[in-house]
């Protein structure tokens, strides 16, 4: 089988974190890339949704990145969700 070589540059931290995940899944980096490419071909596009965050989400991300965000418990989130759904 004739194989083509795919090269990509990625920062070392992201590469190492991804590689740890792939190892836990029993995949090499090459296996994961092949899987991604096969799924892209099968689906006719990216094999996952790619969206930009809305204004509220972007604001929350910015707060957390600037260490100004408030961490809440899952119980508090559930309570707020239930309150919103009850409206």
Protein backbone atom coordinates (compact mmCIF):
# COMPACT_ATOMS: atom_id res chain seq x y z
CA UNK A 1 0.00 0.00 0.00
CA UNK A 2 1.32 3.45 -0.90
CA UNK A 3 1.06 5.77 2.07
CA UNK A 4 1.25 9.55 2.06
CA UNK A 5 2.94 11.48 4.81
CA UNK A 6 1.03 14.18 6.67
CA UNK A 7 3.03 16.71 8.70
CA UNK A 8 1.69 19.25 11.13
CA UNK A 9 3.12 21.60 13.71
CA UNK A 10 1.58 21.72 17.17
CA UNK A 11 2.77 23.09 20.49
CA UNK A 12 4.42 20.45 22.70
CA UNK A 13 1.92 20.81 25.57
CA UNK A 14 -1.09 20.07 23.34
CA UNK A 15 0.74 17.21 21.64
CA UNK A 16 1.67 15.61 24.98
CA UNK A 17 -1.83 16.01 26.43
CA UNK A 18 -3.43 14.54 23.31
CA UNK A 19 -0.91 11.70 23.25
CA UNK A 20 -1.77 10.78 26.86
CA UNK A 21 -5.46 10.60 25.94
CA UNK A 22 -4.75 8.50 22.86
CA UNK A 23 -2.60 6.09 24.88
CA UNK A 24 -5.49 5.57 27.31
CA UNK A 25 -7.64 4.72 24.29
CA UNK A 26 -5.02 2.30 22.95
CA UNK A 27 -4.20 4.56 20.00
CA UNK A 28 -0.96 6.01 18.72
CA UNK A 29 -0.83 9.59 17.48
CA UNK A 30 -0.80 8.22 13.92
CA UNK A 31 -3.82 6.00 14.66
CA UNK A 32 -5.75 9.00 16.03
CA UNK A 33 -4.91 11.16 13.02
CA UNK A 34 -5.93 8.36 10.63
CA UNK A 35 -9.18 7.91 12.56
CA UNK A 36 -9.88 11.65 12.35
CA UNK A 37 -9.21 11.72 8.60
CA UNK A 38 -11.34 8.63 7.90
CA UNK A 39 -14.23 10.10 9.92
CA UNK A 40 -13.92 13.43 8.06
CA UNK A 41 -14.18 11.57 4.75
CA UNK A 42 -17.07 9.39 5.98
CA UNK A 43 -19.06 12.39 7.24
CA UNK A 44 -18.11 14.74 4.45
CA UNK A 45 -16.74 17.31 6.90
CA UNK A 46 -15.34 17.65 10.35
CA UNK A 47 -16.42 14.75 12.57
CA UNK A 48 -17.53 17.13 15.31
CA UNK A 49 -19.37 20.41 15.62
CA UNK A 50 -17.24 23.54 15.46
CA UNK A 51 -18.90 26.67 16.78
CA UNK A 52 -17.82 30.02 18.08
CA UNK A 53 -18.92 30.75 21.64
CA UNK A 54 -21.84 33.15 22.09
CA UNK A 55 -21.29 36.45 23.94
CA UNK A 56 -22.28 35.01 27.34
CA UNK A 57 -19.98 32.01 26.98
CA UNK A 58 -17.13 34.19 25.71
CA UNK A 59 -17.55 36.49 28.71
CA UNK A 60 -17.45 33.51 31.10
CA UNK A 61 -14.32 32.15 29.40
CA UNK A 62 -12.66 35.56 29.63
CA UNK A 63 -13.54 35.82 33.34
CA UNK A 64 -12.05 32.43 34.11
CA UNK A 65 -8.93 33.09 32.06
CA UNK A 66 -8.44 36.36 33.98
CA UNK A 67 -9.12 34.56 37.28
CA UNK A 68 -12.16 36.73 37.95
CA UNK A 69 -14.73 34.01 37.45
CA UNK A 70 -16.76 32.38 40.16
CA UNK A 71 -16.58 28.62 40.52
CA UNK A 72 -19.88 27.02 41.48
CA UNK A 73 -20.86 23.55 42.56
CA UNK A 74 -22.73 21.13 40.31
CA UNK A 75 -25.65 21.31 42.76
CA UNK A 76 -25.83 25.09 42.35
CA UNK A 77 -25.74 24.72 38.56
CA UNK A 78 -28.51 22.12 38.70
CA UNK A 79 -30.61 24.35 40.91
CA UNK A 80 -30.14 27.32 38.57
CA UNK A 81 -30.94 25.09 35.57
CA UNK A 82 -34.11 23.81 37.24
CA UNK A 83 -35.16 27.39 38.06
CA UNK A 84 -34.60 28.47 34.43
CA UNK A 85 -36.55 25.48 33.07
CA UNK A 86 -39.46 26.18 35.41
CA UNK A 87 -39.97 29.65 33.87
